[in-house]
C-alpha cells in the first residue's frame, strides 16, 4: 500500500515537473517572440502636460474654398502649387491647388464620372447617365450602372511622379457602416492629373465595390500601391512603360493580398522604401506586414524569412497596443481599439520611416535595413484615455514631414514637436495658431506634408470655427480645412522635453 502511494506521489511530481517545464518553455518562447525585431527598444516615460511649451506660435494658414474635409495631406509640386484632395460630403471630390506665389486657389480636377473615364476634369457626364449620390434611392439599378456612384473622397495622399503628373486615388463614403450602399458603389479609381494640360486620366479600378483608402508610390518602378475599404485588400497599379500612364492604357491593377485581420483594422498609412519593399501595419493584430516585389534584388537582406510576390506577416515586429487607461504599459492585441497606422514620413535616407498610430499617441520607427520596430515616443497626454467602445477617438499624433535639418516634425494635439533621430531629442516648439487669428489653434493635420527648398514645411491643417446652423437658430463648431506652413529656421527657440537615454 505504501509503495503504491509512493509511486502515485512520484507520478504526481513527475507530471507537475513536466507541466512546469512546458509552461516555462511557452513563456520563454513568448518572450523571445515578443522581442524579435525590437533592437534599440526604449521605455521612455510619458511626457507630462506640465512640461509643455505653452508659447503661441503663429503660422500661415489659408482656408480651402468650399466645405469639406481634407485627408490626403499636402503635396508641394514642382509647378509651385500645393495640392490637396477635398472631400465635400455628397458631392464629387475635388483636387485643389494653392498657388504659393499668387496666394490663389484653383480647382484642378473634379472627380465626376466624366473625369474618371478619361474625359476633361469636370467634364459633362456621358449621355443618358447620372451619378448616384449617397442616401438616394438605389433600388432597381442594374449591376452595370453601380460604378456611377459618386467618388466623393480623395482619402489617400498624393504623389508627383517623375513625369510631373499628380497621382492619387478616389474613395467614397461607403463601407461596413453603410452596408446598403456598398453594392451601389463601383469602386475607387487610380488617377493621374496633368498640370500642363489640365487633363485627368483614369488609370482603372482597384476592386469592384471597394474604395481606395491608402496609397503609396514606388517612383523607381512606377508602381502605385493601394489599400481598399472596407476589406483591406492590397492592390497595385502599374504599367509596362511610363508612357502608358499618359494615355491611361496598358495600365493594370493586381490584387496582392489582405492587410487587415478584420473590417475595423484597415490601415491608413503604408510606406515603400528605396529598395522597393513596402510596409503596412495591421491595426487589429498589431503585426507589421511586408510586401516584397517580384523583382526584388535583395539590396537589403531582411532577417525574417520572406518571399517575393506575397504579403509577409512579420509577427516578430508587432506594434504594441495598450490594455487600458489604468495600466498603460501593458500590451494588448485587439481591433477594438482600431490602432491602425494613421500618418507617417519616410526618412531622408529612404531606409526607414516613422509612423503614428491612430488612437494611442505613439510614434514608431520602422527600420527597413534591420527589419526592426521600436517605440520612440509615448504621448498619452495628447488626449485623455478613452474607453474601448468610444468609437473614432484619436490619440491625435499627426506626422507632418522631415525638415531640412533632419528632424521629424509632428503635431501632438496643437503642439508642434520635433524628434531628432540622431540625438534622440524631442523639442516642443509651442502651440500652433493662425497668424491672422492668434486665438484659433491649428487643431490637427491630415496626411503627410511637403518641404520646400528653403526649408518651409507645408501641410494640410484644420481649424475650428463657429458658424450658423443650417435652418436653425444658434451656432455650431465646424472644422475648416486648408493649407498651413512654417519654417523652423525662422521660429523662436523651442523647449527641450527630453533626450532619449
Protein backbone atom coordinates (compact mmCIF):
# COMPACT_ATOMS: atom_id res chain seq x y z
CA UNK A 1 0.00 0.00 0.00
CA UNK A 2 2.83 2.43 0.96
CA UNK A 3 4.72 1.51 -2.21
CA UNK A 4 1.63 2.23 -4.24
CA UNK A 5 1.20 5.59 -2.54
CA UNK A 6 4.86 6.42 -3.14
CA UNK A 7 4.56 5.60 -6.83
CA UNK A 8 1.47 7.76 -7.03
CA UNK A 9 3.26 10.72 -5.39
CA UNK A 10 6.24 10.29 -7.69
CA UNK A 11 3.91 10.20 -10.66
CA UNK A 12 2.20 13.39 -9.48
CA UNK A 13 5.57 15.10 -9.02
CA UNK A 14 6.69 13.99 -12.47
CA UNK A 15 3.51 15.35 -14.02
CA UNK A 16 3.89 18.61 -12.10
CA UNK A 17 7.51 18.99 -13.21
CA UNK A 18 6.50 18.27 -16.78
CA UNK A 19 3.78 20.91 -16.70
CA UNK A 20 6.11 23.49 -15.11
CA UNK A 21 8.77 22.77 -17.74
CA UNK A 22 6.24 23.15 -20.53
CA UNK A 23 4.95 26.41 -19.06
CA UNK A 24 8.50 27.75 -18.77
CA UNK A 25 9.19 26.87 -22.39
CA UNK A 26 6.00 28.59 -23.52
CA UNK A 27 6.87 31.73 -21.55
CA UNK A 28 10.42 31.71 -22.92
CA UNK A 29 9.15 31.36 -26.48
CA UNK A 30 6.66 34.16 -25.94
CA UNK A 31 9.34 36.47 -24.57
CA UNK A 32 11.68 35.59 -27.41
CA UNK A 33 8.95 36.19 -29.97
CA UNK A 34 7.96 39.49 -28.37
CA UNK A 35 11.45 40.94 -28.55
CA UNK A 36 12.32 39.78 -32.06
CA UNK A 37 12.88 42.80 -34.20
CA UNK A 38 12.94 45.29 -31.31
CA UNK A 39 16.59 46.23 -31.34
CA UNK A 40 17.02 49.53 -29.59
CA UNK A 41 13.63 49.35 -27.83
CA UNK A 42 13.38 52.10 -25.22
CA UNK A 43 10.88 52.55 -22.41
CA UNK A 44 10.55 56.35 -22.29
CA UNK A 45 8.34 57.86 -19.58
CA UNK A 46 5.22 59.60 -20.87
CA UNK A 47 5.52 63.35 -21.27
CA UNK A 48 3.69 65.26 -18.55
CA UNK A 49 1.29 68.06 -19.51
CA UNK A 50 3.16 70.27 -17.04
CA UNK A 51 6.28 70.03 -19.22
CA UNK A 52 4.66 71.51 -22.30
CA UNK A 53 5.66 74.72 -24.01
CA UNK A 54 2.59 76.97 -23.99
CA UNK A 55 4.15 79.61 -26.24
CA UNK A 56 1.74 80.50 -29.04
CA UNK A 57 3.42 80.17 -32.44
CA UNK A 58 1.67 81.97 -35.33
CA UNK A 59 1.83 80.21 -38.70
CA UNK A 60 0.38 80.99 -42.09
CA UNK A 61 -2.98 79.38 -42.86
CA UNK A 62 -5.16 79.64 -45.97
CA UNK A 63 -8.64 78.07 -45.80
CA UNK A 64 -9.63 75.96 -48.78
CA UNK A 65 -12.64 77.08 -50.85
CA UNK A 66 -15.84 75.16 -50.15
CA UNK A 67 -16.92 72.90 -47.33
CA UNK A 68 -15.43 69.50 -46.74
CA UNK A 69 -12.59 67.56 -45.18
CA UNK A 70 -9.00 67.03 -46.32
CA UNK A 71 -7.46 63.59 -45.71
CA UNK A 72 -4.85 63.47 -48.46
CA UNK A 73 -2.18 65.69 -46.92
CA UNK A 74 -0.42 68.49 -48.78
CA UNK A 75 1.76 67.92 -51.84
CA UNK A 76 4.08 70.73 -52.91
CA UNK A 77 4.66 70.01 -56.60
CA UNK A 78 7.36 71.24 -58.95
CA UNK A 79 4.93 73.72 -60.55
CA UNK A 80 4.90 75.75 -57.31
CA UNK A 81 1.43 74.67 -56.23
CA UNK A 82 0.29 72.84 -53.11
CA UNK A 83 -2.26 70.12 -53.97
CA UNK A 84 -4.99 68.93 -51.60
CA UNK A 85 -7.82 66.46 -52.01
CA UNK A 86 -11.11 67.96 -50.78
CA UNK A 87 -13.90 65.60 -49.70
CA UNK A 88 -17.11 67.68 -49.87
CA UNK A 89 -19.63 65.20 -48.48
CA UNK A 90 -22.19 64.04 -51.04
CA UNK A 91 -20.62 65.83 -53.99
CA UNK A 92 -17.71 64.64 -56.15
CA UNK A 93 -14.26 65.08 -54.63
CA UNK A 94 -12.04 67.92 -55.83
CA UNK A 95 -8.34 68.18 -56.42
CA UNK A 96 -7.44 71.68 -55.23
CA UNK A 97 -4.24 73.60 -55.97
CA UNK A 98 -2.93 76.54 -53.95
CA UNK A 99 -0.52 78.83 -55.78
CA UNK A 100 2.20 79.77 -53.29
CA UNK A 101 3.25 82.87 -55.26
CA UNK A 102 -0.14 84.40 -56.06
CA UNK A 103 -1.94 83.10 -52.97
CA UNK A 104 -4.89 81.91 -55.06
CA UNK A 105 -6.80 78.63 -55.04
CA UNK A 106 -7.64 76.70 -58.20
CA UNK A 107 -9.88 73.68 -58.78
CA UNK A 108 -7.57 71.37 -60.69
CA UNK A 109 -9.99 68.46 -61.14
CA UNK A 110 -13.46 67.32 -60.14
CA UNK A 111 -13.86 63.57 -59.76
CA UNK A 112 -17.04 63.20 -61.76
CA UNK A 113 -17.87 60.16 -63.81
CA UNK A 114 -16.71 62.07 -66.86
CA UNK A 115 -13.31 62.77 -65.33
CA UNK A 116 -12.88 59.12 -64.41
CA UNK A 117 -13.45 57.91 -67.94
CA UNK A 118 -10.56 59.82 -69.43
CA UNK A 119 -12.53 62.98 -70.10
CA UNK A 120 -11.52 66.51 -69.06
CA UNK A 121 -11.80 67.35 -65.39
CA UNK A 122 -15.32 68.39 -64.54
CA UNK A 123 -16.47 67.31 -67.99
CA UNK A 124 -20.05 66.54 -68.91
CA UNK A 125 -21.31 63.09 -67.99
CA UNK A 126 -21.95 60.63 -70.80
CA UNK A 127 -25.39 60.99 -72.35
CA UNK A 128 -28.09 59.05 -70.55
CA UNK A 129 -26.16 58.57 -67.30
CA UNK A 130 -26.37 60.25 -63.92
CA UNK A 131 -24.32 59.80 -60.74
CA UNK A 132 -25.94 58.09 -57.79
CA UNK A 133 -25.40 60.15 -54.63
CA UNK A 134 -25.37 58.78 -51.10
CA UNK A 135 -28.74 58.20 -49.46
CA UNK A 136 -30.60 58.44 -52.76
CA UNK A 137 -32.94 55.71 -53.91
CA UNK A 138 -30.80 52.95 -55.43
CA UNK A 139 -33.32 50.14 -55.83
CA UNK A 140 -33.62 48.78 -59.36
CA UNK A 141 -30.15 49.76 -60.50
CA UNK A 142 -28.54 47.29 -62.84
CA UNK A 143 -25.09 45.96 -61.77
CA UNK A 144 -23.55 47.60 -64.80
CA UNK A 145 -24.58 51.01 -63.50
CA UNK A 146 -23.23 50.70 -59.98
CA UNK A 147 -19.88 52.25 -60.93
CA UNK A 148 -21.67 55.58 -61.33
CA UNK A 149 -21.76 56.05 -57.53
CA UNK A 150 -20.18 59.39 -56.68
CA UNK A 151 -16.45 59.47 -55.91
CA UNK A 152 -16.73 61.89 -53.00
CA UNK A 153 -13.33 61.35 -51.36
CA UNK A 154 -9.65 61.61 -52.15
CA UNK A 155 -8.66 59.90 -48.94
CA UNK A 156 -5.14 58.77 -49.84
CA UNK A 157 -2.08 61.01 -50.07
CA UNK A 158 -0.96 62.46 -53.37
CA UNK A 159 2.31 61.93 -55.27
CA UNK A 160 4.11 63.76 -58.04
CA UNK A 161 5.57 61.28 -60.50
CA UNK A 162 8.80 61.70 -62.47
CA UNK A 163 6.63 62.79 -65.39
CA UNK A 164 5.27 65.78 -63.44
CA UNK A 165 1.76 64.35 -63.09
CA UNK A 166 -0.14 64.24 -59.80
CA UNK A 167 -1.12 60.67 -58.87
CA UNK A 168 -3.84 59.70 -56.42
CA UNK A 169 -6.96 57.61 -55.89
CA UNK A 170 -10.66 58.05 -55.16
CA UNK A 171 -12.85 56.71 -52.42
CA UNK A 172 -16.47 57.04 -51.27
CA UNK A 173 -18.41 57.22 -48.03
CA UNK A 174 -19.46 53.60 -48.22
CA UNK A 175 -18.26 50.65 -46.21
CA UNK A 176 -19.23 48.39 -43.35
CA UNK A 177 -21.05 51.29 -41.68
CA UNK A 178 -23.20 51.72 -44.84
CA UNK A 179 -23.89 48.14 -45.97
CA UNK A 180 -26.84 49.13 -48.12
CA UNK A 181 -24.72 51.50 -50.18
CA UNK A 182 -21.65 49.32 -50.66
CA UNK A 183 -23.20 47.40 -53.54
CA UNK A 184 -24.13 50.65 -55.30
CA UNK A 185 -20.52 51.83 -55.43
CA UNK A 186 -18.45 50.59 -58.32
CA UNK A 187 -15.06 51.07 -56.68
CA UNK A 188 -12.25 53.54 -56.27
CA UNK A 189 -10.10 54.63 -59.21
CA UNK A 190 -6.43 55.42 -59.53
CA UNK A 191 -5.98 58.67 -61.43
CA UNK A 192 -3.28 60.94 -62.83
CA UNK A 193 -3.73 64.69 -63.23
CA UNK A 194 -1.56 66.55 -65.72
CA UNK A 195 -0.97 70.18 -64.60
CA UNK A 196 0.23 71.15 -68.08
CA UNK A 197 -2.94 70.12 -69.92
CA UNK A 198 -5.48 70.08 -67.08
CA UNK A 199 -6.48 66.54 -68.07
CA UNK A 200 -7.47 63.85 -65.58
CA UNK A 201 -6.54 60.36 -66.74
CA UNK A 202 -8.38 57.34 -65.36
CA UNK A 203 -5.93 54.53 -64.51
CA UNK A 204 -8.60 51.99 -63.62
CA UNK A 205 -10.49 50.39 -60.76
CA UNK A 206 -8.84 48.86 -57.74
CA UNK A 207 -11.63 46.38 -57.00
CA UNK A 208 -15.36 46.45 -57.55
CA UNK A 209 -17.36 47.97 -54.65
CA UNK A 210 -14.14 48.86 -52.77
CA UNK A 211 -12.83 52.38 -52.24
CA UNK A 212 -9.11 53.17 -52.08
CA UNK A 213 -8.23 54.21 -48.54
CA UNK A 214 -4.42 54.45 -48.64
CA UNK A 215 -1.78 54.89 -51.33
CA UNK A 216 2.00 54.85 -51.61
CA UNK A 217 4.10 55.03 -54.77
CA UNK A 218 7.34 53.36 -55.82
CA UNK A 219 8.89 56.04 -58.03
CA UNK A 220 11.64 53.85 -59.48
CA UNK A 221 9.27 51.11 -60.62
CA UNK A 222 6.33 53.47 -61.20
CA UNK A 223 4.05 51.25 -59.14
CA UNK A 224 1.13 52.69 -57.16
CA UNK A 225 0.10 50.57 -54.17
CA UNK A 226 -3.36 50.96 -52.67
CA UNK A 227 -5.37 49.52 -49.79
CA UNK A 228 -9.12 49.18 -50.26
CA UNK A 229 -12.01 49.84 -47.91
CA UNK A 230 -13.81 48.08 -46.32
CA UNK A 231 -11.94 44.79 -46.86
CA UNK A 232 -8.34 45.99 -46.61
CA UNK A 233 -7.15 44.43 -49.87
CA UNK A 234 -3.67 45.38 -51.07
CA UNK A 235 -3.61 46.18 -54.79
CA UNK A 236 -1.06 47.59 -57.21
CA UNK A 237 -1.42 49.77 -60.29
CA UNK A 238 1.41 49.70 -62.78
CA UNK A 239 2.26 49.91 -66.46
CA UNK A 240 4.94 48.22 -68.53
CA UNK A 241 6.07 51.58 -69.90
CA UNK A 242 5.90 55.03 -68.26
CA UNK A 243 4.27 56.50 -71.37
CA UNK A 244 1.29 54.20 -70.81
CA UNK A 245 0.33 56.33 -67.83
CA UNK A 246 -0.09 59.29 -70.14
CA UNK A 247 -2.79 57.58 -72.17
CA UNK A 248 -4.35 55.57 -69.37
CA UNK A 249 -3.90 52.45 -71.49
CA UNK A 250 -1.91 49.36 -70.76
CA UNK A 251 -2.20 50.07 -67.01
CA UNK A 252 -3.02 47.02 -64.94
CA UNK A 253 -4.30 46.57 -61.41
CA UNK A 254 -3.33 43.49 -59.45
CA UNK A 255 -4.65 42.07 -56.18
CA UNK A 256 -1.72 41.28 -53.86
CA UNK A 257 -3.38 40.09 -50.66
CA UNK A 258 -5.12 41.10 -47.42
CA UNK A 259 -3.71 43.62 -44.95
CA UNK A 260 -6.39 43.67 -42.25
CA UNK A 261 -7.46 41.00 -39.78
CA UNK A 262 -10.98 42.46 -39.63
CA UNK A 263 -13.06 45.26 -41.10
CA UNK A 264 -12.15 47.76 -38.37
CA UNK A 265 -8.37 47.48 -38.70
CA UNK A 266 -7.77 48.68 -42.27
CA UNK A 267 -4.56 50.79 -42.18
CA UNK A 268 -4.49 54.42 -43.30
CA UNK A 269 -0.78 54.61 -43.97
CA UNK A 270 1.84 52.50 -45.69
CA UNK A 271 5.32 53.22 -46.93
CA UNK A 272 7.64 51.97 -49.66
CA UNK A 273 11.41 52.19 -49.11
CA UNK A 274 14.13 52.89 -51.64
CA UNK A 275 14.79 49.19 -52.22
CA UNK A 276 11.16 48.61 -53.28
CA UNK A 277 9.85 46.83 -50.18
CA UNK A 278 6.53 48.09 -48.90
CA UNK A 279 5.47 48.06 -45.21
CA UNK A 280 1.99 48.30 -43.75
CA UNK A 281 0.56 47.70 -40.27
CA UNK A 282 -2.47 45.59 -39.38
CA UNK A 283 -4.49 47.68 -36.95
CA UNK A 284 -6.20 44.63 -35.46
CA UNK A 285 -3.37 42.22 -34.72
CA UNK A 286 -0.61 44.80 -34.43
CA UNK A 287 1.53 42.90 -36.92
CA UNK A 288 3.76 44.67 -39.42
CA UNK A 289 3.23 43.36 -42.95
CA UNK A 290 5.87 43.38 -45.65
CA UNK A 291 5.37 43.22 -49.40
CA UNK A 292 8.44 42.23 -51.40
CA UNK A 293 8.18 42.95 -55.16
CA UNK A 294 8.72 40.15 -57.63
CA UNK A 295 11.91 41.72 -58.99
CA UNK A 296 13.46 42.40 -55.58
CA UNK A 297 17.24 42.15 -55.89
CA UNK A 298 17.99 41.65 -52.18
CA UNK A 299 19.70 45.00 -51.83
CA UNK A 300 18.93 44.63 -48.13
CA UNK A 301 18.59 41.09 -46.83
CA UNK A 302 15.84 41.01 -44.19
CA UNK A 303 16.29 38.99 -41.03
CA UNK A 304 12.96 37.27 -41.43
CA UNK A 305 12.23 34.59 -43.98
CA UNK A 306 10.18 36.45 -46.57
CA UNK A 307 9.17 35.60 -50.10
CA UNK A 308 8.87 37.97 -53.07
CA UNK A 309 5.46 38.42 -54.66
CA UNK A 310 3.45 37.88 -51.49
CA UNK A 311 2.31 39.64 -48.32
CA UNK A 312 4.59 38.54 -45.47
CA UNK A 313 3.30 38.85 -41.91
CA UNK A 314 6.22 39.75 -39.66
CA UNK A 315 4.89 38.52 -36.32
CA UNK A 316 8.17 39.48 -34.70
CA UNK A 317 7.53 43.18 -35.40
CA UNK A 318 4.31 43.64 -33.50
CA UNK A 319 3.27 47.17 -32.74
CA UNK A 320 2.16 47.25 -29.08
CA UNK A 321 -1.37 48.09 -28.03
CA UNK A 322 -2.22 49.49 -24.64
CA UNK A 323 -4.52 47.43 -22.43
CA UNK A 324 -6.39 50.19 -20.63
CA UNK A 325 -6.04 53.66 -19.19
CA UNK A 326 -5.03 52.48 -15.74
CA UNK A 327 -2.16 50.24 -16.82
CA UNK A 328 -0.84 51.87 -19.98
CA UNK A 329 2.38 49.85 -20.03
CA UNK A 330 0.59 46.54 -20.50
CA UNK A 331 0.23 45.49 -24.11
CA UNK A 332 -2.90 44.37 -25.87
CA UNK A 333 -3.80 42.97 -29.26
CA UNK A 334 -7.35 43.92 -30.06
CA UNK A 335 -9.06 45.51 -33.02
CA UNK A 336 -11.47 47.14 -30.57
CA UNK A 337 -9.01 49.99 -30.30
CA UNK A 338 -8.68 50.48 -34.07
CA UNK A 339 -4.98 51.10 -33.54
CA UNK A 340 -4.06 51.43 -37.19
CA UNK A 341 -1.22 53.45 -38.68
CA UNK A 342 -2.54 56.97 -39.23
CA UNK A 343 0.23 59.23 -40.59
CA UNK A 344 3.94 58.85 -41.21
CA UNK A 345 7.00 60.05 -43.07
CA UNK A 346 9.98 58.38 -44.69
CA UNK A 347 13.46 59.34 -43.52
CA UNK A 348 15.71 61.26 -45.93
CA UNK A 349 17.93 58.20 -46.45
CA UNK A 350 14.91 56.20 -47.70
CA UNK A 351 15.71 53.19 -45.50
CA UNK A 352 13.32 53.73 -42.59
CA UNK A 353 10.18 55.60 -41.72
CA UNK A 354 8.31 56.91 -38.70
CA UNK A 355 4.61 56.31 -38.22
CA UNK A 356 1.99 57.38 -35.66
CA UNK A 357 -0.86 55.15 -34.57
CA UNK A 358 -4.45 56.30 -34.73
CA UNK A 359 -5.50 56.15 -31.09
CA UNK A 360 -2.74 55.67 -28.60
CA UNK A 361 -0.49 58.69 -29.03
CA UNK A 362 2.52 56.62 -30.08
CA UNK A 363 5.28 57.21 -32.61
CA UNK A 364 7.22 54.25 -34.05
CA UNK A 365 10.36 53.85 -36.08
CA UNK A 366 10.41 51.07 -38.67
CA UNK A 367 13.98 50.26 -39.70
CA UNK A 368 13.92 48.60 -43.10
CA UNK A 369 17.65 47.81 -43.12
CA UNK A 370 17.41 45.67 -40.00
CA UNK A 371 13.70 44.84 -40.27
CA UNK A 372 13.10 46.09 -36.74
CA UNK A 373 10.41 48.03 -34.96
CA UNK A 374 10.75 50.17 -31.86
CA UNK A 375 8.58 52.62 -29.98
CA UNK A 376 10.18 56.07 -29.92
CA UNK A 377 7.74 58.45 -28.26
CA UNK A 378 4.76 57.99 -25.96
CA UNK A 379 2.37 60.94 -25.63
CA UNK A 380 -0.76 59.82 -23.77
CA UNK A 381 -1.26 63.43 -22.66
CA UNK A 382 -2.22 64.36 -26.23
CA UNK A 383 -5.77 63.33 -25.46
CA UNK A 384 -7.36 61.69 -22.42
CA UNK A 385 -7.63 57.93 -22.48
CA UNK A 386 -10.90 56.64 -23.90
CA UNK A 387 -12.93 53.53 -23.30
CA UNK A 388 -12.54 50.72 -25.87
CA UNK A 389 -16.03 51.38 -27.23
CA UNK A 390 -15.56 55.13 -27.68
CA UNK A 391 -15.52 54.88 -31.45
CA UNK A 392 -13.25 57.09 -33.52
CA UNK A 393 -11.48 58.92 -30.69
CA UNK A 394 -7.87 59.62 -31.62
CA UNK A 395 -4.56 59.86 -29.81
CA UNK A 396 -4.02 62.91 -32.03
CA UNK A 397 -0.43 62.38 -33.09
CA UNK A 398 -0.07 63.57 -36.69
CA UNK A 399 3.24 63.23 -38.51
CA UNK A 400 3.98 66.13 -40.86
CA UNK A 401 7.37 65.67 -42.54
CA UNK A 402 11.13 65.55 -42.17
CA UNK A 403 12.59 69.04 -42.29
CA UNK A 404 15.78 70.17 -43.98
CA UNK A 405 17.50 69.88 -40.60
CA UNK A 406 16.80 66.13 -40.48
CA UNK A 407 14.25 66.46 -37.67
CA UNK A 408 10.84 64.80 -37.83
CA UNK A 409 8.07 67.36 -37.26
CA UNK A 410 4.67 66.32 -35.96
CA UNK A 411 1.63 67.63 -34.11
CA UNK A 412 0.54 66.29 -30.73
CA UNK A 413 -2.79 67.95 -30.11
CA UNK A 414 -1.97 71.53 -31.19
CA UNK A 415 1.66 71.41 -30.10
CA UNK A 416 4.35 71.34 -32.76
CA UNK A 417 7.08 68.91 -31.77
CA UNK A 418 10.20 67.63 -33.48
CA UNK A 419 12.24 64.49 -32.97
CA UNK A 420 15.92 64.20 -33.89
CA UNK A 421 16.73 60.55 -34.72
CA UNK A 422 20.45 61.18 -34.27
CA UNK A 423 20.46 62.76 -30.80
CA UNK A 424 17.12 61.40 -29.56
CA UNK A 425 15.97 64.88 -28.52
CA UNK A 426 12.30 65.84 -28.52
CA UNK A 427 11.61 69.57 -28.80
CA UNK A 428 8.32 71.35 -28.15
CA UNK A 429 8.01 74.47 -30.32
CA UNK A 430 4.71 75.58 -28.79
CA UNK A 431 1.04 75.79 -29.76
CA UNK A 432 0.41 76.46 -33.45
CA UNK A 433 -2.14 79.24 -34.06
CA UNK A 434 -3.34 81.16 -37.09
CA UNK A 435 -1.15 84.14 -37.84
CA UNK A 436 -4.22 86.27 -38.64
CA UNK A 437 -6.16 84.97 -35.62
CA UNK A 438 -3.91 84.10 -32.64
CA UNK A 439 -6.88 82.81 -30.64
CA UNK A 440 -7.51 79.95 -33.10
CA UNK A 441 -5.37 76.83 -32.77
CA UNK A 442 -4.27 74.63 -35.63
CA UNK A 443 -6.11 71.57 -34.33
CA UNK A 444 -4.56 68.84 -36.44
CA UNK A 445 -3.15 67.91 -39.82
CA UNK A 446 -4.22 65.21 -42.24
CA UNK A 447 -1.70 63.14 -44.10
CA UNK A 448 1.96 63.98 -44.69
CA UNK A 449 3.30 67.36 -45.71
CA UNK A 450 5.96 68.65 -48.10
CA UNK A 451 9.18 70.62 -47.66
CA UNK A 452 10.29 73.44 -49.95
CA UNK A 453 13.89 74.15 -50.90
CA UNK A 454 14.12 77.00 -48.36
CA UNK A 455 13.01 74.67 -45.55
CA UNK A 456 9.38 75.80 -45.38
CA UNK A 457 7.09 72.92 -44.42
CA UNK A 458 3.58 72.81 -45.94
CA UNK A 459 0.84 70.63 -44.52
CA UNK A 460 -2.93 70.18 -44.66
CA UNK A 461 -4.35 71.67 -41.47
CA UNK A 462 -7.77 72.08 -39.89
CA UNK A 463 -9.05 74.89 -37.66
CA UNK A 464 -12.33 75.01 -35.77
CA UNK A 465 -14.73 77.89 -36.39
CA UNK A 466 -18.18 78.81 -35.12
CA UNK A 467 -20.76 79.05 -37.92
CA UNK A 468 -24.55 79.46 -38.03
CA UNK A 469 -26.59 76.28 -38.07
CA UNK A 470 -28.48 75.43 -41.25
CA UNK A 471 -32.18 76.31 -40.91
CA UNK A 472 -31.77 76.58 -37.14
CA UNK A 473 -31.02 79.26 -34.61
CA UNK A 474 -27.66 79.23 -32.91
CA UNK A 475 -24.09 78.44 -33.83
CA UNK A 476 -22.15 75.24 -34.32
CA UNK A 477 -18.44 74.41 -34.40
CA UNK A 478 -17.16 73.15 -37.73
CA UNK A 479 -13.74 72.16 -39.00
CA UNK A 480 -12.29 74.33 -41.76
CA UNK A 481 -9.55 72.66 -43.82
CA UNK A 482 -6.78 74.46 -45.62
CA UNK A 483 -3.04 74.64 -46.14
CA UNK A 484 -0.63 75.86 -43.43
CA UNK A 485 3.10 76.39 -43.46
CA UNK A 486 6.03 77.35 -41.25
CA UNK A 487 9.82 77.47 -41.42
CA UNK A 488 11.65 76.12 -38.33
CA UNK A 489 14.70 78.27 -39.07
CA UNK A 490 12.59 81.41 -38.62
CA UNK A 491 10.83 80.35 -35.43
CA UNK A 492 11.75 81.04 -31.81
CA UNK A 493 13.84 78.59 -29.83
CA UNK A 494 11.85 75.52 -28.72
CA UNK A 495 11.72 73.90 -25.30
CA UNK A 496 13.56 70.61 -24.73
CA UNK A 497 11.17 67.98 -23.44
CA UNK A 498 13.68 65.19 -23.00
CA UNK A 499 16.56 63.32 -24.59
CA UNK A 500 16.45 59.59 -25.09
CA UNK A 501 18.76 57.64 -22.75
